[in-house]
C-alpha cells in the first residue's frame, strides 16, 4: 500500500532527515511531506481539504469537476482547495491536466508536548 506521511518537523530536522536518506541505499516505503508547525499543517489541511483527499485517495487521476462531484461541492470552491494542495505538494497534476492524489493511505505524525 502506497502511503504518504504528513508530519511536523522543524527545518533543521528536515535537513538532517534528508541527509540521512541521501546517504543510505534504502528505498523509502512511504513518501513524506513535512510542515514547519502544527498550525501550518492544519491551515493547509482544512476539513474540506481532508474530505477532498479522502475522495481522491486511491482514485487515480480525475478532473477538478469530477473531484467536486465526488465531494458534492461547487467546482470553484474545490478548485481553490486543489490549488492549495498542489502548492503544498500533496496533490500532483498529470500531463493532461488532471489532478491526482497518488496514495492509498495517509498517516499524520506530530508530537504535542508541554511548553
N, C-alpha and C. Protein backbone atom coordinates (compact mmCIF):
# COMPACT_ATOMS: atom_id res chain seq x y z
N UNK A 1 0.85 -1.18 0.00
CA UNK A 1 0.00 0.00 0.00
C UNK A 1 0.89 1.23 0.00
N UNK A 2 0.65 2.13 -0.92
CA UNK A 2 1.43 3.35 -1.04
C UNK A 2 0.88 4.39 -0.06
N UNK A 3 1.72 4.77 0.90
CA UNK A 3 1.31 5.66 1.98
C UNK A 3 2.11 6.95 1.95
N UNK A 4 1.47 8.06 2.27
CA UNK A 4 2.16 9.32 2.48
C UNK A 4 2.07 9.65 3.96
N UNK A 5 3.19 10.10 4.52
CA UNK A 5 3.23 10.54 5.90
C UNK A 5 3.27 12.06 5.92
N UNK A 6 2.32 12.67 6.59
CA UNK A 6 2.31 14.11 6.81
C UNK A 6 2.79 14.32 8.23
N UNK A 7 3.86 15.10 8.38
CA UNK A 7 4.38 15.29 9.73
C UNK A 7 4.77 16.73 9.98
N UNK A 8 5.10 16.99 11.24
CA UNK A 8 5.54 18.31 11.67
C UNK A 8 6.98 18.16 12.15
N UNK A 9 7.88 18.87 11.47
CA UNK A 9 9.29 18.84 11.86
C UNK A 9 9.90 20.21 11.60
N UNK A 10 10.71 20.69 12.54
CA UNK A 10 11.39 21.97 12.30
C UNK A 10 12.38 21.83 11.14
N UNK A 11 12.71 22.94 10.48
CA UNK A 11 13.59 22.89 9.31
C UNK A 11 14.93 22.18 9.54
N UNK A 12 15.54 22.33 10.73
CA UNK A 12 16.82 21.66 10.96
C UNK A 12 16.66 20.13 10.97
N UNK A 13 15.56 19.64 11.51
CA UNK A 13 15.28 18.20 11.49
C UNK A 13 15.00 17.72 10.08
N UNK A 14 14.33 18.54 9.32
CA UNK A 14 14.06 18.20 7.92
C UNK A 14 15.35 17.97 7.16
N UNK A 15 16.29 18.89 7.32
CA UNK A 15 17.57 18.79 6.61
C UNK A 15 18.35 17.57 7.08
N UNK A 16 18.36 17.30 8.37
CA UNK A 16 19.07 16.13 8.90
C UNK A 16 18.47 14.84 8.34
N UNK A 17 17.14 14.77 8.28
CA UNK A 17 16.47 13.60 7.71
C UNK A 17 16.77 13.43 6.24
N UNK A 18 16.81 14.55 5.52
CA UNK A 18 17.14 14.50 4.10
C UNK A 18 18.55 13.96 3.89
N UNK A 19 19.49 14.44 4.70
CA UNK A 19 20.87 13.98 4.55
C UNK A 19 21.02 12.51 4.90
N UNK A 20 20.31 12.05 5.94
CA UNK A 20 20.35 10.62 6.28
C UNK A 20 19.82 9.77 5.13
N UNK A 21 18.70 10.19 4.57
CA UNK A 21 18.10 9.44 3.46
C UNK A 21 19.01 9.45 2.24
N UNK A 22 19.66 10.57 2.01
CA UNK A 22 20.56 10.70 0.85
C UNK A 22 21.74 9.76 0.97
N UNK A 23 22.23 9.57 2.20
CA UNK A 23 23.43 8.78 2.42
C UNK A 23 23.17 7.30 2.64
N UNK A 24 21.94 6.85 2.51
CA UNK A 24 21.64 5.42 2.66
C UNK A 24 21.14 4.87 1.34
N UNK A 25 21.25 3.58 1.20
CA UNK A 25 20.79 2.93 -0.03
C UNK A 25 19.37 2.43 0.08
N UNK A 26 18.75 2.58 1.24
CA UNK A 26 17.39 2.07 1.45
C UNK A 26 16.39 2.90 0.66
N UNK A 27 15.45 2.20 0.06
CA UNK A 27 14.34 2.89 -0.57
C UNK A 27 13.28 3.15 0.49
N UNK A 28 12.72 4.32 0.47
CA UNK A 28 11.66 4.62 1.43
C UNK A 28 10.37 3.95 1.00
N UNK A 29 9.67 3.36 1.95
CA UNK A 29 8.38 2.74 1.66
C UNK A 29 7.27 3.78 1.59
N UNK A 30 7.48 4.91 2.24
CA UNK A 30 6.44 5.93 2.30
C UNK A 30 7.01 7.27 1.86
N UNK A 31 6.18 8.04 1.20
CA UNK A 31 6.54 9.42 0.91
C UNK A 31 6.31 10.22 2.18
N UNK A 32 6.97 11.35 2.29
CA UNK A 32 6.83 12.17 3.49
C UNK A 32 6.73 13.63 3.06
N UNK A 33 5.71 14.30 3.60
CA UNK A 33 5.54 15.74 3.39
C UNK A 33 5.53 16.37 4.77
N UNK A 34 6.45 17.30 4.99
CA UNK A 34 6.62 17.88 6.32
C UNK A 34 6.19 19.33 6.36
N UNK A 35 5.67 19.71 7.51
CA UNK A 35 5.25 21.08 7.78
C UNK A 35 6.07 21.61 8.95
N UNK A 36 6.32 22.91 8.97
CA UNK A 36 7.17 23.53 10.00
C UNK A 36 6.48 23.62 11.36
N UNK A 37 5.15 23.60 11.39
CA UNK A 37 4.43 23.71 12.66
C UNK A 37 3.07 23.03 12.54
N UNK A 38 2.49 22.63 13.68
CA UNK A 38 1.13 22.07 13.63
C UNK A 38 0.12 23.08 13.06
N UNK A 39 0.32 24.34 13.37
CA UNK A 39 -0.59 25.38 12.88
C UNK A 39 -0.59 25.42 11.35
N UNK A 40 0.59 25.30 10.75
CA UNK A 40 0.69 25.30 9.29
C UNK A 40 0.04 24.04 8.70
N UNK A 41 0.25 22.90 9.35
CA UNK A 41 -0.39 21.66 8.91
C UNK A 41 -1.90 21.82 8.85
N UNK A 42 -2.49 22.35 9.94
CA UNK A 42 -3.94 22.50 10.00
C UNK A 42 -4.46 23.63 9.13
N UNK A 43 -3.61 24.61 8.84
CA UNK A 43 -4.01 25.68 7.93
C UNK A 43 -4.14 25.13 6.50
N UNK A 44 -3.22 24.28 6.12
CA UNK A 44 -3.25 23.68 4.78
C UNK A 44 -4.31 22.60 4.69
N UNK A 45 -4.42 21.77 5.72
CA UNK A 45 -5.32 20.62 5.69
C UNK A 45 -6.62 20.91 6.44
N UNK A 46 -7.42 21.77 5.85
CA UNK A 46 -8.72 22.10 6.44
C UNK A 46 -9.66 20.89 6.34
N UNK A 47 -10.78 20.97 7.00
CA UNK A 47 -11.75 19.88 6.97
C UNK A 47 -12.20 19.57 5.54
N UNK A 48 -12.50 20.58 4.76
CA UNK A 48 -12.95 20.37 3.37
C UNK A 48 -11.83 19.74 2.52
N UNK A 49 -10.59 20.11 2.78
CA UNK A 49 -9.47 19.52 2.02
C UNK A 49 -9.24 18.08 2.43
N UNK A 50 -9.45 17.76 3.72
CA UNK A 50 -9.38 16.36 4.17
C UNK A 50 -10.43 15.54 3.44
N UNK A 51 -11.65 16.08 3.35
CA UNK A 51 -12.72 15.37 2.64
C UNK A 51 -12.34 15.14 1.18
N UNK A 52 -11.71 16.12 0.57
CA UNK A 52 -11.26 16.00 -0.81
C UNK A 52 -10.20 14.91 -0.94
N UNK A 53 -9.22 14.91 -0.04
CA UNK A 53 -8.18 13.87 -0.07
C UNK A 53 -8.79 12.49 0.11
N UNK A 54 -9.75 12.39 1.01
CA UNK A 54 -10.41 11.11 1.24
C UNK A 54 -11.09 10.61 -0.04
N UNK A 55 -11.73 11.52 -0.76
CA UNK A 55 -12.41 11.16 -2.00
C UNK A 55 -11.43 10.79 -3.11
N UNK A 56 -10.22 11.35 -3.06
CA UNK A 56 -9.23 11.11 -4.11
C UNK A 56 -8.27 9.97 -3.77
N UNK A 57 -8.27 9.53 -2.54
CA UNK A 57 -7.35 8.50 -2.07
C UNK A 57 -7.52 7.23 -2.90
N UNK A 58 -6.47 6.86 -3.64
CA UNK A 58 -6.50 5.65 -4.45
C UNK A 58 -7.37 5.73 -5.69
N UNK A 59 -7.90 6.91 -6.03
CA UNK A 59 -8.83 7.04 -7.15
C UNK A 59 -8.15 7.20 -8.50
N UNK A 60 -6.86 7.52 -8.51
CA UNK A 60 -6.20 7.81 -9.78
C UNK A 60 -6.50 9.23 -10.23
N UNK A 61 -6.02 9.60 -11.42
CA UNK A 61 -6.23 10.96 -11.92
C UNK A 61 -7.70 11.25 -12.21
N UNK A 62 -8.14 12.46 -11.82
CA UNK A 62 -9.50 12.91 -12.10
C UNK A 62 -9.47 14.40 -12.44
N UNK A 63 -10.51 14.88 -13.06
CA UNK A 63 -10.62 16.31 -13.33
C UNK A 63 -11.08 17.01 -12.04
N UNK A 64 -10.91 18.31 -12.00
CA UNK A 64 -11.40 19.07 -10.85
C UNK A 64 -12.92 18.98 -10.77
N UNK A 65 -13.57 18.98 -11.91
CA UNK A 65 -15.02 18.85 -11.95
C UNK A 65 -15.46 17.52 -11.34
N UNK A 66 -14.74 16.44 -11.67
CA UNK A 66 -15.06 15.12 -11.10
C UNK A 66 -14.79 15.10 -9.60
N UNK A 67 -13.70 15.73 -9.17
CA UNK A 67 -13.40 15.80 -7.73
C UNK A 67 -14.53 16.53 -7.00
N UNK A 68 -15.00 17.63 -7.59
CA UNK A 68 -16.10 18.40 -6.98
C UNK A 68 -17.37 17.54 -6.90
N UNK A 69 -17.65 16.77 -7.94
CA UNK A 69 -18.82 15.89 -7.93
C UNK A 69 -18.72 14.86 -6.81
N UNK A 70 -17.52 14.31 -6.61
CA UNK A 70 -17.33 13.28 -5.59
C UNK A 70 -17.54 13.79 -4.17
N UNK A 71 -17.19 15.05 -3.94
CA UNK A 71 -17.36 15.61 -2.60
C UNK A 71 -18.62 16.47 -2.48
N UNK A 72 -19.41 16.50 -3.56
CA UNK A 72 -20.69 17.22 -3.58
C UNK A 72 -20.52 18.71 -3.22
N UNK A 73 -19.54 19.33 -3.91
CA UNK A 73 -19.26 20.76 -3.70
C UNK A 73 -19.18 21.46 -5.04
N UNK A 74 -19.19 22.79 -5.02
CA UNK A 74 -19.09 23.54 -6.27
C UNK A 74 -17.64 23.51 -6.78
N UNK A 75 -17.51 23.59 -8.09
CA UNK A 75 -16.21 23.47 -8.75
C UNK A 75 -15.26 24.59 -8.30
N UNK A 76 -15.78 25.81 -8.15
CA UNK A 76 -14.93 26.95 -7.77
C UNK A 76 -14.29 26.73 -6.40
N UNK A 77 -15.06 26.26 -5.44
CA UNK A 77 -14.53 26.00 -4.10
C UNK A 77 -13.50 24.88 -4.10
N UNK A 78 -13.81 23.82 -4.84
CA UNK A 78 -12.87 22.70 -4.92
C UNK A 78 -11.59 23.14 -5.64
N UNK A 79 -11.74 23.98 -6.67
CA UNK A 79 -10.56 24.48 -7.38
C UNK A 79 -9.61 25.20 -6.42
N UNK A 80 -10.14 26.04 -5.55
CA UNK A 80 -9.31 26.75 -4.57
C UNK A 80 -8.58 25.78 -3.64
N UNK A 81 -9.28 24.74 -3.21
CA UNK A 81 -8.65 23.74 -2.35
C UNK A 81 -7.60 22.94 -3.10
N UNK A 82 -7.88 22.62 -4.35
CA UNK A 82 -6.90 21.89 -5.18
C UNK A 82 -5.63 22.70 -5.34
N UNK A 83 -5.77 23.99 -5.61
CA UNK A 83 -4.58 24.85 -5.76
C UNK A 83 -3.75 24.85 -4.48
N UNK A 84 -4.40 24.96 -3.32
CA UNK A 84 -3.67 24.94 -2.04
C UNK A 84 -2.96 23.61 -1.83
N UNK A 85 -3.61 22.51 -2.18
CA UNK A 85 -3.00 21.19 -2.01
C UNK A 85 -1.89 20.94 -3.03
N UNK A 86 -2.02 21.49 -4.23
CA UNK A 86 -0.95 21.41 -5.22
C UNK A 86 0.26 22.21 -4.73
N UNK A 87 0.01 23.42 -4.22
CA UNK A 87 1.10 24.27 -3.71
C UNK A 87 1.84 23.60 -2.56
N UNK A 88 1.13 22.83 -1.73
CA UNK A 88 1.75 22.15 -0.59
C UNK A 88 2.44 20.85 -1.01
N UNK A 89 2.27 20.45 -2.27
CA UNK A 89 2.91 19.22 -2.74
C UNK A 89 2.14 17.96 -2.38
N UNK A 90 0.90 18.11 -1.95
CA UNK A 90 0.09 16.96 -1.54
C UNK A 90 -0.61 16.33 -2.74
N UNK A 91 -1.11 17.17 -3.64
CA UNK A 91 -1.67 16.69 -4.89
C UNK A 91 -0.67 16.95 -6.01
N UNK A 92 -0.81 16.21 -7.08
CA UNK A 92 0.01 16.47 -8.27
C UNK A 92 -0.91 16.59 -9.48
N UNK A 93 -0.36 17.14 -10.53
CA UNK A 93 -1.12 17.32 -11.77
C UNK A 93 -0.50 16.42 -12.83
N UNK A 94 -1.35 15.71 -13.56
CA UNK A 94 -0.86 14.84 -14.63
C UNK A 94 -0.55 15.66 -15.87
N UNK A 95 0.08 15.03 -16.86
CA UNK A 95 0.42 15.73 -18.10
C UNK A 95 -0.81 16.26 -18.82
N UNK A 96 -1.93 15.58 -18.69
CA UNK A 96 -3.15 16.03 -19.37
C UNK A 96 -4.01 16.95 -18.50
N UNK A 97 -3.46 17.44 -17.38
CA UNK A 97 -4.13 18.45 -16.58
C UNK A 97 -5.03 17.95 -15.48
N UNK A 98 -5.16 16.64 -15.34
CA UNK A 98 -5.98 16.12 -14.24
C UNK A 98 -5.20 16.19 -12.94
N UNK A 99 -5.91 16.07 -11.83
CA UNK A 99 -5.26 16.09 -10.53
C UNK A 99 -5.20 14.67 -9.99
N UNK A 100 -4.21 14.44 -9.12
CA UNK A 100 -4.05 13.09 -8.58
C UNK A 100 -3.50 13.14 -7.16
N UNK A 101 -4.06 12.32 -6.32
CA UNK A 101 -3.51 12.04 -5.00
C UNK A 101 -3.00 10.61 -5.11
N UNK A 102 -1.69 10.45 -5.36
CA UNK A 102 -1.17 9.14 -5.75
C UNK A 102 -0.92 8.17 -4.59
N UNK A 103 -1.71 8.26 -3.55
CA UNK A 103 -1.52 7.42 -2.37
C UNK A 103 -2.81 6.69 -2.04
N UNK A 104 -2.66 5.58 -1.35
CA UNK A 104 -3.81 4.80 -0.92
C UNK A 104 -4.09 5.00 0.57
N UNK A 105 -3.14 5.63 1.27
CA UNK A 105 -3.30 5.85 2.71
C UNK A 105 -2.53 7.10 3.12
N UNK A 106 -3.01 7.72 4.19
CA UNK A 106 -2.37 8.91 4.76
C UNK A 106 -2.13 8.65 6.24
N UNK A 107 -0.92 8.97 6.70
CA UNK A 107 -0.60 8.88 8.10
C UNK A 107 -0.12 10.27 8.55
N UNK A 108 -0.65 10.75 9.67
CA UNK A 108 -0.27 12.06 10.19
C UNK A 108 0.51 11.85 11.47
N UNK A 109 1.68 12.49 11.56
CA UNK A 109 2.52 12.36 12.75
C UNK A 109 2.92 13.73 13.27
N UNK A 110 2.64 13.99 14.53
CA UNK A 110 3.23 15.14 15.21
C UNK A 110 3.12 14.94 16.69
N UNK A 111 3.99 15.59 17.42
CA UNK A 111 4.08 15.43 18.86
C UNK A 111 3.63 16.71 19.55
N UNK A 112 2.71 16.58 20.48
CA UNK A 112 2.27 17.70 21.28
C UNK A 112 2.86 17.50 22.66
N UNK A 113 3.65 18.46 23.11
CA UNK A 113 4.29 18.33 24.42
C UNK A 113 4.20 19.62 25.20
N UNK A 114 4.44 19.52 26.48
CA UNK A 114 4.37 20.69 27.36
C UNK A 114 5.41 21.72 26.93
N UNK A 115 5.04 22.99 27.08
CA UNK A 115 5.92 24.09 26.68
C UNK A 115 7.07 24.26 27.67
